[in-house]
Amino acid sequence: MSTHNHADRLDLTDLVGRYAAAVDGRDTAALAALFTTDAEFVQPSALVRRGQSPTVAGPEQITATVLGAVGHLHSTHHAVGQQVLTVEGDAADGLVYCQAHHIYRVEDGFRDNSLAIRYRDSYRRVDGRWLVARRELTVDFAEDRPVTVPGT
């Protein structure tokens, strides 16, 4: 593996981590900055409202969709796991595993709707920076359980 390829892999790992941090921090500008201008985000059909397309395009629409989906929650916590990356020049593909925790309030406390997810990503280097060109979300399984949220 070349040094350049190693640096690319580190940059791509950082990109995926910045996505998780932007979603968890509800940071619209930071999230939008991670996508190419022609990026696509593909959601599982089960997560899409009837009559809407599972695919949204463009950084602003992707950001609105992703943050809109979590805006009603108390908090989220995306724990990124292993990544399988293929880098070829200024293009790359990735398979990213993530445990996505969605904390919501109930009458007597909080619950966590935890999803084991995978992202099938395509990345493109634009002006020296790696960006997400396409992200497809797959949910492998979900569990819902009570949790304690300190300080609430």
Protein backbone atom coordinates (compact mmCIF):
# COMPACT_ATOMS: atom_id res chain seq x y z
CA MET A 1 0.00 0.00 0.00
CA SER A 2 1.40 3.38 -0.98
CA THR A 3 1.73 6.26 1.45
CA HIS A 4 -0.77 8.22 -0.63
CA ASN A 5 -3.30 5.40 -0.35
CA HIS A 6 -2.76 5.25 3.41
CA ALA A 7 -3.39 9.00 3.72
CA ASP A 8 -6.54 8.62 1.59
CA ARG A 9 -7.82 5.86 3.85
CA LEU A 10 -7.26 8.02 6.94
CA ASP A 11 -9.05 10.95 5.28
CA LEU A 12 -11.99 8.71 4.36
CA THR A 13 -12.21 7.35 7.90
CA ASP A 14 -12.22 10.93 9.17
CA LEU A 15 -14.96 11.86 6.67
CA VAL A 16 -17.20 9.10 8.00
CA GLY A 17 -16.52 10.19 11.59
CA ARG A 18 -17.30 13.81 10.74
CA TYR A 19 -20.65 12.70 9.28
CA ALA A 20 -21.56 10.97 12.55
CA ALA A 21 -20.44 13.98 14.61
CA ALA A 22 -22.38 16.43 12.41
CA VAL A 23 -25.58 14.37 12.71
CA ASP A 24 -25.21 13.93 16.47
CA GLY A 25 -24.40 17.64 16.87
CA ARG A 26 -27.24 18.69 14.54
CA ASP A 27 -24.66 20.78 12.65
CA THR A 28 -26.32 21.68 9.34
CA ALA A 29 -23.33 23.47 7.80
CA ALA A 30 -20.83 20.77 8.77
CA LEU A 31 -23.07 18.02 7.42
CA ALA A 32 -23.78 19.74 4.10
CA ALA A 33 -20.04 20.35 3.59
CA LEU A 34 -19.39 16.58 3.50
CA PHE A 35 -21.25 15.95 0.23
CA THR A 36 -20.51 16.59 -3.44
CA THR A 37 -22.86 19.03 -5.17
CA ASP A 38 -24.51 16.10 -7.01
CA ALA A 39 -24.55 13.69 -4.05
CA GLU A 40 -27.33 11.17 -3.51
CA PHE A 41 -28.61 9.70 -0.26
CA VAL A 42 -30.68 6.52 -0.49
CA GLN A 43 -32.87 5.55 2.46
CA PRO A 44 -34.54 2.20 3.12
CA SER A 45 -38.11 2.20 1.80
CA ALA A 46 -39.45 1.40 5.29
CA LEU A 47 -38.08 4.72 6.59
CA VAL A 48 -39.67 6.85 3.84
CA ARG A 49 -43.12 8.40 4.06
CA ARG A 50 -45.65 7.10 1.57
CA GLY A 51 -45.38 8.87 -1.76
CA GLN A 52 -41.83 10.11 -1.19
CA SER A 53 -38.77 8.88 -3.05
CA PRO A 54 -36.16 6.95 -1.05
CA THR A 55 -33.46 8.93 -2.90
CA VAL A 56 -32.70 12.57 -2.16
CA ALA A 57 -30.08 14.59 -4.03
CA GLY A 58 -27.84 17.54 -3.24
CA PRO A 59 -26.17 18.55 0.03
CA GLU A 60 -28.99 20.82 1.22
CA GLN A 61 -31.74 18.27 0.60
CA ILE A 62 -29.68 15.44 2.13
CA THR A 63 -28.95 17.53 5.20
CA ALA A 64 -32.61 18.52 5.59
CA THR A 65 -33.69 14.88 5.24
CA VAL A 66 -31.13 13.44 7.66
CA LEU A 67 -31.49 16.12 10.33
CA GLY A 68 -35.27 16.20 9.84
CA ALA A 69 -35.39 12.49 10.63
CA VAL A 70 -33.65 12.95 13.98
CA GLY A 71 -34.89 16.42 14.95
CA HIS A 72 -37.67 15.14 17.22
CA LEU A 73 -35.28 12.99 19.27
CA HIS A 74 -33.66 13.93 22.58
CA SER A 75 -30.28 12.91 21.12
CA THR A 76 -28.48 10.51 18.83
CA HIS A 77 -25.18 8.68 19.08
CA HIS A 78 -23.66 7.16 15.94
CA ALA A 79 -20.85 4.75 16.85
CA VAL A 80 -18.94 4.02 13.65
CA GLY A 81 -17.32 0.59 13.44
CA GLN A 82 -15.28 -1.12 10.78
CA GLN A 83 -14.90 0.22 7.28
CA VAL A 84 -13.98 -1.64 4.12
CA LEU A 85 -12.50 0.83 1.63
CA THR A 86 -11.44 0.57 -2.00
CA VAL A 87 -9.49 3.58 -3.23
CA GLU A 88 -8.66 4.16 -6.89
CA GLY A 89 -7.27 7.59 -7.71
CA ASP A 90 -9.85 10.27 -6.96
CA ALA A 91 -12.71 7.80 -6.41
CA ALA A 92 -13.38 5.37 -3.61
CA ASP A 93 -16.05 3.01 -2.33
CA GLY A 94 -16.76 2.11 1.25
CA LEU A 95 -18.84 -0.22 3.36
CA VAL A 96 -19.29 1.34 6.80
CA TYR A 97 -20.82 -0.36 9.84
CA CYS A 98 -22.50 1.78 12.49
CA GLN A 99 -24.59 1.37 15.64
CA ALA A 100 -27.01 4.30 15.61
CA HIS A 101 -28.66 5.13 18.93
CA HIS A 102 -31.82 7.24 18.85
CA ILE A 103 -32.77 8.48 22.32
CA TYR A 104 -36.36 9.59 22.81
CA ARG A 105 -38.42 10.70 25.78
CA VAL A 106 -41.31 8.64 27.12
CA GLU A 107 -43.66 9.37 30.00
CA ASP A 108 -41.41 7.80 32.64
CA GLY A 109 -37.93 8.46 31.20
CA PHE A 110 -36.05 7.67 28.00
CA ARG A 111 -35.73 4.85 25.50
CA ASP A 112 -33.09 4.02 22.90
CA ASN A 113 -34.19 2.85 19.47
CA SER A 114 -30.85 1.36 18.43
CA LEU A 115 -30.25 0.42 14.80
CA ALA A 116 -27.44 -1.72 13.40
CA ILE A 117 -26.81 -0.04 10.07
CA ARG A 118 -24.52 -0.21 7.09
CA TYR A 119 -23.67 2.58 4.69
CA ARG A 120 -22.67 1.68 1.14
CA ASP A 121 -20.74 4.76 0.12
CA SER A 122 -19.13 6.21 -2.97
CA TYR A 123 -16.62 8.99 -2.40
CA ARG A 124 -14.99 11.48 -4.73
CA ARG A 125 -12.00 13.75 -4.21
CA VAL A 126 -12.98 17.32 -5.07
CA ASP A 127 -10.41 20.12 -4.86
CA GLY A 128 -8.17 17.89 -2.74
CA ARG A 129 -10.91 16.88 -0.25
CA TRP A 130 -12.76 13.61 -0.03
CA LEU A 131 -16.54 14.00 -0.11
CA VAL A 132 -19.51 11.64 -0.10
CA ALA A 133 -20.93 11.27 -3.62
CA ARG A 134 -23.50 8.61 -2.73
CA ARG A 135 -24.61 7.05 0.56
CA GLU A 136 -27.05 4.17 0.76
CA LEU A 137 -28.39 3.27 4.20
CA THR A 138 -29.34 -0.30 5.12
CA VAL A 139 -30.83 -1.26 8.48
CA ASP A 140 -29.81 -4.77 9.57
CA PHE A 141 -31.79 -4.92 12.82
CA ALA A 142 -33.26 -2.74 15.55
CA GLU A 143 -33.85 -3.00 19.25
CA ASP A 144 -35.67 -0.68 21.61
CA ARG A 145 -34.91 -0.51 25.33
CA PRO A 146 -35.13 1.83 28.30
CA VAL A 147 -32.02 3.88 29.04
CA THR A 148 -30.89 6.38 31.64
CA VAL A 149 -29.87 9.83 30.44
CA PRO A 150 -27.69 11.50 33.11
CA GLY A 151 -28.62 15.04 34.08
CA THR A 152 -32.25 14.84 33.00
